[in-house]
PDB file of N, CA and C in Angstrom:
ATOM      1  N   UNK A   1      22.888  -5.228  18.878  1.00  0.00           N
ATOM      2  CA  UNK A   1      21.804  -4.243  19.073  1.00  0.00           C
ATOM      3  C   UNK A   1      21.589  -3.606  17.697  1.00  0.00           C
ATOM      4  N   UNK A   2      20.103  -3.470  17.366  1.00  0.00           N
ATOM      5  CA  UNK A   2      19.920  -2.715  16.206  1.00  0.00           C
ATOM      6  C   UNK A   2      18.765  -2.129  16.615  1.00  0.00           C
ATOM      7  N   UNK A   3      18.247  -1.132  15.672  1.00  0.00           N
ATOM      8  CA  UNK A   3      16.941  -0.784  15.431  1.00  0.00           C
ATOM      9  C   UNK A   3      16.144  -1.465  14.327  1.00  0.00           C
ATOM     10  N   UNK A   4      15.007  -1.319  13.880  1.00  0.00           N
ATOM     11  CA  UNK A   4      14.247  -2.014  12.945  1.00  0.00           C
ATOM     12  C   UNK A   4      15.064  -2.194  11.583  1.00  0.00           C
ATOM     13  N   UNK A   5      15.639  -1.115  11.094  1.00  0.00           N
ATOM     14  CA  UNK A   5      16.345  -1.149   9.748  1.00  0.00           C
ATOM     15  C   UNK A   5      17.554  -2.223   9.947  1.00  0.00           C
ATOM     16  N   UNK A   6      18.083  -2.537  11.144  1.00  0.00           N
ATOM     17  CA  UNK A   6      19.000  -3.437  11.223  1.00  0.00           C
ATOM     18  C   UNK A   6      18.599  -4.903  11.158  1.00  0.00           C
ATOM     19  N   UNK A   7      17.372  -5.137  11.927  1.00  0.00           N
ATOM     20  CA  UNK A   7      16.636  -6.389  11.871  1.00  0.00           C
ATOM     21  C   UNK A   7      16.337  -6.722  10.534  1.00  0.00           C
ATOM     22  N   UNK A   8      15.594  -5.434   9.688  1.00  0.00           N
ATOM     23  CA  UNK A   8      15.113  -5.895   8.509  1.00  0.00           C
ATOM     24  C   UNK A   8      16.517  -6.265   7.629  1.00  0.00           C
ATOM     25  N   UNK A   9      17.619  -5.614   7.402  1.00  0.00           N
ATOM     26  CA  UNK A   9      18.710  -6.133   6.836  1.00  0.00           C
ATOM     27  C   UNK A   9      19.312  -7.172   7.132  1.00  0.00           C
ATOM     28  N   UNK A  10      19.391  -7.614   8.394  1.00  0.00           N
ATOM     29  CA  UNK A  10      19.770  -9.169   8.742  1.00  0.00           C
ATOM     30  C   UNK A  10      18.927 -10.174   8.313  1.00  0.00           C
ATOM     31  N   UNK A  11      17.656  -9.778   8.574  1.00  0.00           N
ATOM     32  CA  UNK A  11      16.713 -10.997   7.954  1.00  0.00           C
ATOM     33  C   UNK A  11      16.710 -11.108   6.553  1.00  0.00           C
ATOM     34  N   UNK A  12      16.756 -10.004   5.886  1.00  0.00           N
ATOM     35  CA  UNK A  12      16.960 -10.179   4.274  1.00  0.00           C
ATOM     36  C   UNK A  12      18.350 -11.077   3.792  1.00  0.00           C
ATOM     37  N   UNK A  13      19.367 -10.410   4.686  1.00  0.00           N
ATOM     38  CA  UNK A  13      20.690 -11.277   4.543  1.00  0.00           C
ATOM     39  C   UNK A  13      20.429 -12.768   4.725  1.00  0.00           C
ATOM     40  N   UNK A  14      20.144 -13.183   5.829  1.00  0.00           N
ATOM     41  CA  UNK A  14      19.937 -14.397   6.282  1.00  0.00           C
ATOM     42  C   UNK A  14      19.054 -15.401   5.266  1.00  0.00           C
ATOM     43  N   UNK A  15      17.723 -14.802   5.030  1.00  0.00           N
ATOM     44  CA  UNK A  15      16.932 -15.358   4.112  1.00  0.00           C
ATOM     45  C   UNK A  15      17.315 -15.705   2.728  1.00  0.00           C
ATOM     46  N   UNK A  16      17.763 -14.402   2.081  1.00  0.00           N
ATOM     47  CA  UNK A  16      18.369 -14.635   0.808  1.00  0.00           C
ATOM     48  C   UNK A  16      19.319 -15.471   0.527  1.00  0.00           C
ATOM     49  N   UNK A  17      20.425 -15.746   1.817  1.00  0.00           N
ATOM     50  CA  UNK A  17      21.540 -16.653   1.606  1.00  0.00           C
ATOM     51  C   UNK A  17      21.012 -18.079   1.760  1.00  0.00           C
ATOM     52  N   UNK A  18      19.871 -18.484   2.045  1.00  0.00           N
ATOM     53  CA  UNK A  18      19.297 -19.813   2.073  1.00  0.00           C
ATOM     54  C   UNK A  18      18.171 -19.906   0.769  1.00  0.00           C
ATOM     55  N   UNK A  19      18.003 -18.987   0.011  1.00  0.00           N
ATOM     56  CA  UNK A  19      17.364 -19.076  -1.142  1.00  0.00           C
ATOM     57  C   UNK A  19      15.793 -18.442  -0.907  1.00  0.00           C
ATOM     58  N   UNK A  20      15.543 -17.848   0.023  1.00  0.00           N
ATOM     59  CA  UNK A  20      14.132 -17.443   0.367  1.00  0.00           C
ATOM     60  C   UNK A  20      14.270 -15.940  -0.088  1.00  0.00           C
ATOM     61  N   UNK A  21      13.236 -15.466  -0.961  1.00  0.00           N
ATOM     62  CA  UNK A  21      13.076 -14.282  -1.513  1.00  0.00           C
ATOM     63  C   UNK A  21      12.603 -13.424  -0.211  1.00  0.00           C
ATOM     64  N   UNK A  22      13.324 -12.321   0.015  1.00  0.00           N
ATOM     65  CA  UNK A  22      13.125 -11.294   1.176  1.00  0.00           C
ATOM     66  C   UNK A  22      13.511  -9.687   0.727  1.00  0.00           C
ATOM     67  N   UNK A  23      12.588  -8.919   0.908  1.00  0.00           N
ATOM     68  CA  UNK A  23      12.712  -7.638   0.690  1.00  0.00           C
ATOM     69  C   UNK A  23      12.290  -6.852   1.861  1.00  0.00           C
ATOM     70  N   UNK A  24      12.414  -5.534   1.743  1.00  0.00           N
ATOM     71  CA  UNK A  24      12.239  -4.678   2.707  1.00  0.00           C
ATOM     72  C   UNK A  24      10.963  -4.027   2.666  1.00  0.00           C
ATOM     73  N   UNK A  25      10.301  -3.487   3.514  1.00  0.00           N
ATOM     74  CA  UNK A  25       8.959  -2.970   3.628  1.00  0.00           C
ATOM     75  C   UNK A  25       9.104  -1.812   4.462  1.00  0.00           C
ATOM     76  N   UNK A  26       8.694  -0.504   4.049  1.00  0.00           N
ATOM     77  CA  UNK A  26       8.796   0.776   4.654  1.00  0.00           C
ATOM     78  C   UNK A  26       7.301   1.100   5.095  1.00  0.00           C
ATOM     79  N   UNK A  27       7.307   1.898   6.361  1.00  0.00           N
ATOM     80  CA  UNK A  27       6.091   2.187   6.845  1.00  0.00           C
ATOM     81  C   UNK A  27       6.257   2.802   8.167  1.00  0.00           C
ATOM     82  N   UNK A  28       4.962   2.632   9.128  1.00  0.00           N
ATOM     83  CA  UNK A  28       5.042   3.433  10.368  1.00  0.00           C
ATOM     84  C   UNK A  28       4.689   2.314  11.272  1.00  0.00           C
ATOM     85  N   UNK A  29       5.204   2.174  12.405  1.00  0.00           N
ATOM     86  CA  UNK A  29       4.516   1.363  13.524  1.00  0.00           C
ATOM     87  C   UNK A  29       4.744   2.284  14.972  1.00  0.00           C
ATOM     88  N   UNK A  30       3.479   2.453  15.569  1.00  0.00           N
ATOM     89  CA  UNK A  30       3.461   3.078  16.713  1.00  0.00           C
ATOM     90  C   UNK A  30       3.956   4.541  16.376  1.00  0.00           C
ATOM     91  N   UNK A  31       3.388   5.267  15.234  1.00  0.00           N
ATOM     92  CA  UNK A  31       3.504   6.582  14.911  1.00  0.00           C
ATOM     93  C   UNK A  31       5.108   6.770  14.444  1.00  0.00           C
ATOM     94  N   UNK A  32       5.818   5.967  14.194  1.00  0.00           N
ATOM     95  CA  UNK A  32       7.247   6.266  14.245  1.00  0.00           C
ATOM     96  C   UNK A  32       7.575   5.590  12.805  1.00  0.00           C
ATOM     97  N   UNK A  33       8.553   6.066  12.031  1.00  0.00           N
ATOM     98  CA  UNK A  33       9.192   5.455  10.816  1.00  0.00           C
ATOM     99  C   UNK A  33       9.482   3.927  11.270  1.00  0.00           C
ATOM    100  N   UNK A  34       9.192   2.886  10.401  1.00  0.00           N
ATOM    101  CA  UNK A  34       9.559   1.643  10.692  1.00  0.00           C
ATOM    102  C   UNK A  34       9.714   0.927   9.415  1.00  0.00           C
ATOM    103  N   UNK A  35      10.488  -0.386   9.717  1.00  0.00           N
ATOM    104  CA  UNK A  35      11.067  -0.899   8.545  1.00  0.00           C
ATOM    105  C   UNK A  35      10.992  -2.545   8.952  1.00  0.00           C
ATOM    106  N   UNK A  36      10.389  -3.313   7.922  1.00  0.00           N
ATOM    107  CA  UNK A  36      10.473  -4.935   8.280  1.00  0.00           C
ATOM    108  C   UNK A  36      10.509  -5.436   6.852  1.00  0.00           C
ATOM    109  N   UNK A  37      10.140  -6.849   6.696  1.00  0.00           N
ATOM    110  CA  UNK A  37      10.307  -7.587   5.536  1.00  0.00           C
ATOM    111  C   UNK A  37       9.242  -8.188   4.963  1.00  0.00           C
ATOM    112  N   UNK A  38       9.089  -8.180   3.618  1.00  0.00           N
ATOM    113  CA  UNK A  38       8.154  -9.275   2.858  1.00  0.00           C
ATOM    114  C   UNK A  38       8.956 -10.288   2.500  1.00  0.00           C
ATOM    115  N   UNK A  39       8.518 -11.624   2.694  1.00  0.00           N
ATOM    116  CA  UNK A  39       9.031 -12.922   2.279  1.00  0.00           C
ATOM    117  C   UNK A  39       8.173 -13.669   1.269  1.00  0.00           C
ATOM    118  N   UNK A  40       9.074 -14.473   0.456  1.00  0.00           N
ATOM    119  CA  UNK A  40       8.053 -15.200  -0.412  1.00  0.00           C
ATOM    120  C   UNK A  40       8.500 -16.763  -0.042  1.00  0.00           C
ATOM    121  N   UNK A  41       7.282 -17.315   0.389  1.00  0.00           N
ATOM    122  CA  UNK A  41       7.431 -18.897   0.930  1.00  0.00           C
ATOM    123  C   UNK A  41       6.401 -19.600   0.202  1.00  0.00           C
ATOM    124  N   UNK A  42       6.883 -20.700  -0.707  1.00  0.00           N
ATOM    125  CA  UNK A  42       5.919 -21.605  -1.461  1.00  0.00           C
ATOM    126  C   UNK A  42       5.140 -20.535  -2.708  1.00  0.00           C
ATOM    127  N   UNK A  43       5.859 -19.542  -2.980  1.00  0.00           N
ATOM    128  CA  UNK A  43       5.189 -18.764  -4.017  1.00  0.00           C
ATOM    129  C   UNK A  43       4.186 -17.711  -3.502  1.00  0.00           C
ATOM    130  N   UNK A  44       4.227 -17.621  -2.169  1.00  0.00           N
ATOM    131  CA  UNK A  44       3.258 -16.866  -1.768  1.00  0.00           C
ATOM    132  C   UNK A  44       4.025 -15.753  -0.725  1.00  0.00           C
ATOM    133  N   UNK A  45       3.581 -14.320  -0.867  1.00  0.00           N
ATOM    134  CA  UNK A  45       4.392 -13.321  -0.139  1.00  0.00           C
ATOM    135  C   UNK A  45       3.638 -13.262   1.168  1.00  0.00           C
ATOM    136  N   UNK A  46       4.491 -12.728   2.278  1.00  0.00           N
ATOM    137  CA  UNK A  46       3.931 -12.583   3.651  1.00  0.00           C
ATOM    138  C   UNK A  46       4.959 -11.516   4.306  1.00  0.00           C
ATOM    139  N   UNK A  47       4.367 -10.941   5.395  1.00  0.00           N
ATOM    140  CA  UNK A  47       4.951  -9.799   6.043  1.00  0.00           C
ATOM    141  C   UNK A  47       5.691 -10.472   7.158  1.00  0.00           C
ATOM    142  N   UNK A  48       6.870  -9.935   7.685  1.00  0.00           N
ATOM    143  CA  UNK A  48       7.672 -10.610   8.532  1.00  0.00           C
ATOM    144  C   UNK A  48       8.409  -9.408   9.247  1.00  0.00           C
ATOM    145  N   UNK A  49       8.128  -9.359  10.816  1.00  0.00           N
ATOM    146  CA  UNK A  49       8.663  -8.166  11.576  1.00  0.00           C
ATOM    147  C   UNK A  49       9.369  -8.791  12.582  1.00  0.00           C
ATOM    148  N   UNK A  50      10.631  -8.802  12.344  1.00  0.00           N
ATOM    149  CA  UNK A  50      11.445  -9.499  13.417  1.00  0.00           C
ATOM    150  C   UNK A  50      11.714  -8.593  14.501  1.00  0.00           C
ATOM    151  N   UNK A  51      11.650  -7.364  14.436  1.00  0.00           N
ATOM    152  CA  UNK A  51      11.758  -6.331  15.376  1.00  0.00           C
ATOM    153  C   UNK A  51      10.757  -6.570  16.422  1.00  0.00           C
ATOM    154  N   UNK A  52       9.312  -6.372  15.954  1.00  0.00           N
ATOM    155  CA  UNK A  52       8.532  -6.544  16.888  1.00  0.00           C
ATOM    156  C   UNK A  52       8.316  -7.831  17.556  1.00  0.00           C
ATOM    157  N   UNK A  53       8.939  -8.773  17.055  1.00  0.00           N
ATOM    158  CA  UNK A  53       8.879 -10.055  17.949  1.00  0.00           C
ATOM    159  C   UNK A  53      10.196 -10.212  18.900  1.00  0.00           C
ATOM    160  N   UNK A  54      10.859  -9.150  18.811  1.00  0.00           N
ATOM    161  CA  UNK A  54      12.186  -9.524  19.706  1.00  0.00           C
ATOM    162  C   UNK A  54      11.811  -8.810  21.202  1.00  0.00           C
ATOM    163  N   UNK A  55      11.039  -9.383  22.060  1.00  0.00           N
ATOM    164  CA  UNK A  55      10.864  -9.012  23.107  1.00  0.00           C
ATOM    165  C   UNK A  55      10.512 -10.264  24.136  1.00  0.00           C
ATOM    166  N   UNK A  56      10.065  -9.932  25.367  1.00  0.00           N
ATOM    167  CA  UNK A  56       9.887 -10.846  26.255  1.00  0.00           C
ATOM    168  C   UNK A  56       8.410 -11.565  26.301  1.00  0.00           C
ATOM    169  N   UNK A  57       7.595 -10.866  25.725  1.00  0.00           N
ATOM    170  CA  UNK A  57       6.190 -11.350  25.719  1.00  0.00           C
ATOM    171  C   UNK A  57       5.738 -11.845  24.493  1.00  0.00           C
ATOM    172  N   UNK A  58       6.373 -11.458  23.428  1.00  0.00           N
ATOM    173  CA  UNK A  58       5.638 -12.076  21.985  1.00  0.00           C
ATOM    174  C   UNK A  58       6.744 -13.018  21.293  1.00  0.00           C
ATOM    175  N   UNK A  59       6.162 -13.973  20.886  1.00  0.00           N
ATOM    176  CA  UNK A  59       6.965 -14.944  19.931  1.00  0.00           C
ATOM    177  C   UNK A  59       6.184 -15.312  18.568  1.00  0.00           C
ATOM    178  N   UNK A  60       6.826 -14.946  17.645  1.00  0.00           N
ATOM    179  CA  UNK A  60       6.157 -15.297  16.316  1.00  0.00           C
ATOM    180  C   UNK A  60       4.975 -14.603  15.918  1.00  0.00           C
ATOM    181  N   UNK A  61       4.455 -13.586  16.688  1.00  0.00           N
ATOM    182  CA  UNK A  61       3.342 -13.002  16.415  1.00  0.00           C
ATOM    183  C   UNK A  61       3.369 -12.271  15.012  1.00  0.00           C
ATOM    184  N   UNK A  62       4.322 -12.003  14.811  1.00  0.00           N
ATOM    185  CA  UNK A  62       4.632 -11.212  13.473  1.00  0.00           C
ATOM    186  C   UNK A  62       5.396 -12.007  12.264  1.00  0.00           C
ATOM    187  N   UNK A  63       5.474 -13.097  12.290  1.00  0.00           N
ATOM    188  CA  UNK A  63       5.806 -14.091  11.135  1.00  0.00           C
ATOM    189  C   UNK A  63       5.075 -14.617  10.418  1.00  0.00           C
ATOM    190  N   UNK A  64       5.001 -14.024   9.109  1.00  0.00           N
ATOM    191  CA  UNK A  64       4.040 -14.323   7.837  1.00  0.00           C
ATOM    192  C   UNK A  64       3.059 -14.025   8.161  1.00  0.00           C
ATOM    193  N   UNK A  65       2.690 -12.785   7.967  1.00  0.00           N
ATOM    194  CA  UNK A  65       1.232 -12.146   8.200  1.00  0.00           C
ATOM    195  C   UNK A  65       0.805 -11.605   6.702  1.00  0.00           C
ATOM    196  N   UNK A  66      -0.536 -11.621   6.494  1.00  0.00           N
ATOM    197  CA  UNK A  66      -0.880 -11.064   5.335  1.00  0.00           C
ATOM    198  C   UNK A  66      -1.122  -9.454   5.352  1.00  0.00           C
ATOM    199  N   UNK A  67      -1.614  -8.914   4.338  1.00  0.00           N
ATOM    200  CA  UNK A  67      -1.796  -7.296   4.541  1.00  0.00           C
ATOM    201  C   UNK A  67      -2.630  -6.863   5.663  1.00  0.00           C
ATOM    202  N   UNK A  68      -3.909  -7.769   5.736  1.00  0.00           N
ATOM    203  CA  UNK A  68      -4.767  -7.176   6.594  1.00  0.00           C
ATOM    204  C   UNK A  68      -4.165  -7.295   8.053  1.00  0.00           C
ATOM    205  N   UNK A  69      -3.553  -8.523   8.338  1.00  0.00           N
ATOM    206  CA  UNK A  69      -3.082  -8.760   9.920  1.00  0.00           C
ATOM    207  C   UNK A  69      -1.954  -7.592  10.289  1.00  0.00           C
ATOM    208  N   UNK A  70      -0.886  -7.306   9.116  1.00  0.00           N
ATOM    209  CA  UNK A  70      -0.008  -6.328   9.597  1.00  0.00           C
ATOM    210  C   UNK A  70      -0.518  -4.930   9.521  1.00  0.00           C
ATOM    211  N   UNK A  71      -1.429  -4.624   8.860  1.00  0.00           N
ATOM    212  CA  UNK A  71      -2.233  -3.352   8.650  1.00  0.00           C
ATOM    213  C   UNK A  71      -2.755  -3.150  10.071  1.00  0.00           C
ATOM    214  N   UNK A  72      -3.002  -3.944  11.106  1.00  0.00           N
ATOM    215  CA  UNK A  72      -3.895  -3.835  12.050  1.00  0.00           C
ATOM    216  C   UNK A  72      -2.862  -2.835  12.999  1.00  0.00           C
ATOM    217  N   UNK A  73      -1.818  -2.891  12.894  1.00  0.00           N
ATOM    218  CA  UNK A  73      -0.793  -1.852  13.660  1.00  0.00           C
ATOM    219  C   UNK A  73       0.472  -1.318  13.069  1.00  0.00           C
ATOM    220  N   UNK A  74       0.482  -1.583  11.736  1.00  0.00           N
ATOM    221  CA  UNK A  74       1.571  -1.111  10.871  1.00  0.00           C
ATOM    222  C   UNK A  74       0.827  -0.265   9.900  1.00  0.00           C
ATOM    223  N   UNK A  75       1.639   0.898   9.329  1.00  0.00           N
ATOM    224  CA  UNK A  75       1.011   1.665   8.167  1.00  0.00           C
ATOM    225  C   UNK A  75       2.156   1.186   7.048  1.00  0.00           C
ATOM    226  N   UNK A  76       1.655   0.756   5.966  1.00  0.00           N
ATOM    227  CA  UNK A  76       2.491   0.375   5.087  1.00  0.00           C
ATOM    228  C   UNK A  76       2.533   1.459   4.032  1.00  0.00           C
ATOM    229  N   UNK A  77       3.659   2.152   3.755  1.00  0.00           N
ATOM    230  CA  UNK A  77       3.939   3.087   2.801  1.00  0.00           C
ATOM    231  C   UNK A  77       3.498   2.491   1.214  1.00  0.00           C
ATOM    232  N   UNK A  78       3.280   3.460   0.379  1.00  0.00           N
ATOM    233  CA  UNK A  78       2.964   2.828  -0.981  1.00  0.00           C
ATOM    234  C   UNK A  78       4.025   2.593  -1.812  1.00  0.00           C
ATOM    235  N   UNK A  79       3.852   1.994  -3.013  1.00  0.00           N
ATOM    236  CA  UNK A  79       5.000   1.620  -3.985  1.00  0.00           C
ATOM    237  C   UNK A  79       5.400   3.021  -4.490  1.00  0.00           C
ATOM    238  N   UNK A  80       6.542   3.020  -4.792  1.00  0.00           N
ATOM    239  CA  UNK A  80       6.920   4.402  -5.496  1.00  0.00           C
ATOM    240  C   UNK A  80       6.468   4.468  -7.010  1.00  0.00           C
ATOM    241  N   UNK A  81       5.784   3.529  -7.588  1.00  0.00           N
ATOM    242  CA  UNK A  81       5.072   3.452  -8.916  1.00  0.00           C
ATOM    243  C   UNK A  81       3.944   3.937  -8.740  1.00  0.00           C
ATOM    244  N   UNK A  82       3.232   3.992  -7.572  1.00  0.00           N
ATOM    245  CA  UNK A  82       1.886   4.411  -7.407  1.00  0.00           C
ATOM    246  C   UNK A  82       1.762   5.712  -6.839  1.00  0.00           C
ATOM    247  N   UNK A  83       3.089   6.438  -6.673  1.00  0.00           N
ATOM    248  CA  UNK A  83       3.004   7.923  -6.227  1.00  0.00           C
ATOM    249  C   UNK A  83       3.607   8.763  -7.211  1.00  0.00           C
ATOM    250  N   UNK A  84       4.402   8.097  -8.222  1.00  0.00           N
ATOM    251  CA  UNK A  84       5.197   8.926  -9.091  1.00  0.00           C
ATOM    252  C   UNK A  84       4.032   9.631  -9.860  1.00  0.00           C
ATOM    253  N   UNK A  85       4.233  10.857 -10.239  1.00  0.00           N
ATOM    254  CA  UNK A  85       3.403  11.804 -11.011  1.00  0.00           C
ATOM    255  C   UNK A  85       2.363  12.459 -10.144  1.00  0.00           C
ATOM    256  N   UNK A  86       2.188  12.030  -8.832  1.00  0.00           N
ATOM    257  CA  UNK A  86       1.112  12.544  -8.094  1.00  0.00           C
ATOM    258  C   UNK A  86       1.303  13.891  -7.693  1.00  0.00           C
ATOM    259  N   UNK A  87       2.647  14.502  -7.806  1.00  0.00           N
ATOM    260  CA  UNK A  87       3.015  15.734  -7.473  1.00  0.00           C
ATOM    261  C   UNK A  87       3.763  15.844  -6.133  1.00  0.00           C
ATOM    262  N   UNK A  88       3.407  14.937  -4.862  1.00  0.00           N
ATOM    263  CA  UNK A  88       4.046  14.718  -3.884  1.00  0.00           C
ATOM    264  C   UNK A  88       4.537  13.513  -3.621  1.00  0.00           C
ATOM    265  N   UNK A  89       5.777  13.298  -3.073  1.00  0.00           N
ATOM    266  CA  UNK A  89       6.126  12.133  -2.614  1.00  0.00           C
ATOM    267  C   UNK A  89       6.051  11.876  -1.248  1.00  0.00           C
ATOM    268  N   UNK A  90       5.847  10.889  -0.608  1.00  0.00           N
ATOM    269  CA  UNK A  90       5.770  10.558   0.801  1.00  0.00           C
ATOM    270  C   UNK A  90       7.340  10.515   1.197  1.00  0.00           C
ATOM    271  N   UNK A  91       7.475  10.930   2.609  1.00  0.00           N
ATOM    272  CA  UNK A  91       8.852  10.765   3.021  1.00  0.00           C
ATOM    273  C   UNK A  91       9.389   9.310   2.796  1.00  0.00           C
ATOM    274  N   UNK A  92       8.456   8.314   3.216  1.00  0.00           N
ATOM    275  CA  UNK A  92       9.018   6.853   2.802  1.00  0.00           C
ATOM    276  C   UNK A  92       8.306   6.278   1.678  1.00  0.00           C
ATOM    277  N   UNK A  93       8.843   5.235   1.200  1.00  0.00           N
ATOM    278  CA  UNK A  93       7.920   4.582   0.011  1.00  0.00           C
ATOM    279  C   UNK A  93       8.607   3.130  -0.222  1.00  0.00           C
ATOM    280  N   UNK A  94       7.881   2.558  -0.777  1.00  0.00           N
ATOM    281  CA  UNK A  94       8.413   0.944  -1.029  1.00  0.00           C
ATOM    282  C   UNK A  94       8.760   1.014  -2.608  1.00  0.00           C
ATOM    283  N   UNK A  95      10.057   0.402  -3.024  1.00  0.00           N
ATOM    284  CA  UNK A  95      10.439   0.187  -4.316  1.00  0.00           C
ATOM    285  C   UNK A  95       9.714  -1.188  -4.743  1.00  0.00           C
ATOM    286  N   UNK A  96       9.580  -2.078  -3.902  1.00  0.00           N
ATOM    287  CA  UNK A  96       8.893  -3.342  -4.481  1.00  0.00           C
ATOM    288  C   UNK A  96       8.098  -3.857  -3.208  1.00  0.00           C
ATOM    289  N   UNK A  97       6.587  -3.822  -3.394  1.00  0.00           N
ATOM    290  CA  UNK A  97       5.870  -4.371  -2.367  1.00  0.00           C
ATOM    291  C   UNK A  97       4.762  -5.188  -3.136  1.00  0.00           C
ATOM    292  N   UNK A  98       5.075  -6.473  -2.640  1.00  0.00           N
ATOM    293  CA  UNK A  98       3.965  -7.541  -3.234  1.00  0.00           C
ATOM    294  C   UNK A  98       2.750  -7.604  -2.336  1.00  0.00           C
ATOM    295  N   UNK A  99       1.708  -8.049  -3.036  1.00  0.00           N
ATOM    296  CA  UNK A  99       0.419  -8.321  -2.212  1.00  0.00           C
ATOM    297  C   UNK A  99       0.696  -9.655  -1.395  1.00  0.00           C
ATOM    298  N   UNK A 100       0.460  -9.504  -0.100  1.00  0.00           N
ATOM    299  CA  UNK A 100       0.445 -10.482   0.858  1.00  0.00           C
ATOM    300  C   UNK A 100      -1.011 -10.917   1.422  1.00  0.00           C
ATOM    301  N   UNK A 101      -1.376 -11.766   0.728  1.00  0.00           N
ATOM    302  CA  UNK A 101      -2.802 -12.164   0.861  1.00  0.00           C
ATOM    303  C   UNK A 101      -3.148 -13.663   1.548  1.00  0.00           C
ATOM    304  N   UNK A 102      -2.110 -14.377   1.907  1.00  0.00           N
ATOM    305  CA  UNK A 102      -2.129 -15.573   2.276  1.00  0.00           C
ATOM    306  C   UNK A 102      -1.900 -15.603   3.446  1.00  0.00           C
ATOM    307  N   UNK A 103      -2.641 -16.504   4.318  1.00  0.00           N
ATOM    308  CA  UNK A 103      -2.113 -16.855   5.782  1.00  0.00           C
ATOM    309  C   UNK A 103      -1.374 -18.520   5.841  1.00  0.00           C
ATOM    310  N   UNK A 104      -1.403 -19.075   4.761  1.00  0.00           N
ATOM    311  CA  UNK A 104      -0.712 -20.523   4.722  1.00  0.00           C
ATOM    312  C   UNK A 104       0.317 -20.709   5.528  1.00  0.00           C
ATOM    313  N   UNK A 105       1.346 -19.787   5.528  1.00  0.00           N
ATOM    314  CA  UNK A 105       2.748 -19.881   6.165  1.00  0.00           C
ATOM    315  C   UNK A 105       2.794 -19.293   7.484  1.00  0.00           C
ATOM    316  N   UNK A 106       1.717 -18.630   7.802  1.00  0.00           N
ATOM    317  CA  UNK A 106       1.758 -18.091   9.217  1.00  0.00           C
ATOM    318  C   UNK A 106       2.211 -18.979  10.361  1.00  0.00           C
ATOM    319  N   UNK A 107       3.088 -18.345  11.255  1.00  0.00           N
ATOM    320  CA  UNK A 107       3.514 -19.485  12.323  1.00  0.00           C
ATOM    321  C   UNK A 107       2.349 -20.112  13.137  1.00  0.00           C
ATOM    322  N   UNK A 108       1.261 -19.477  13.352  1.00  0.00           N
ATOM    323  CA  UNK A 108       0.280 -19.960  14.428  1.00  0.00           C
ATOM    324  C   UNK A 108      -0.705 -20.816  13.476  1.00  0.00           C
ATOM    325  N   UNK A 109      -0.781 -20.770  12.032  1.00  0.00           N
ATOM    326  CA  UNK A 109      -1.656 -21.562  11.274  1.00  0.00           C
ATOM    327  C   UNK A 109      -0.913 -22.822  11.161  1.00  0.00           C
ATOM    328  N   UNK A 110       0.452 -22.713  10.879  1.00  0.00           N
ATOM    329  CA  UNK A 110       1.163 -24.077  10.510  1.00  0.00           C
ATOM    330  C   UNK A 110       1.176 -24.747  12.007  1.00  0.00           C
ATOM    331  N   UNK A 111       1.551 -24.009  13.189  1.00  0.00           N
ATOM    332  CA  UNK A 111       1.464 -24.966  14.591  1.00  0.00           C
ATOM    333  C   UNK A 111       0.322 -25.348  14.956  1.00  0.00           C
ATOM    334  N   UNK A 112      -0.853 -24.922  14.422  1.00  0.00           N
ATOM    335  CA  UNK A 112      -2.224 -25.319  14.774  1.00  0.00           C
ATOM    336  C   UNK A 112      -2.454 -26.517  14.182  1.00  0.00           C
ATOM    337  N   UNK A 113      -1.931 -26.859  12.976  1.00  0.00           N
ATOM    338  CA  UNK A 113      -2.511 -27.969  12.172  1.00  0.00           C
ATOM    339  C   UNK A 113      -1.895 -29.286  12.536  1.00  0.00           C
TER     340      UNK A 113
END
């Protein structure tokens, strides 16, 4: 049993163990602080939110999304390097946040081919 941070840490541990680059992403979902992952597959980055796929109604809806798709219901906090010197730091930020612009490894893209 875990909240989103536990899911993100478990996903990073498992994926890093098998050689897949995986980092944490911080932001908001449903107006609450939220954490998920960014993963690198075949040299392209994607968002992966295992927390929001852990229910009886949705399967793989949040596996390997691009920035636009995850942004439909997640607010992504900025990279710390983008806000340093602005005078005000947000409550949450990301140390590393790659651009996720591909849908090549999206679960539904792969399953439909």
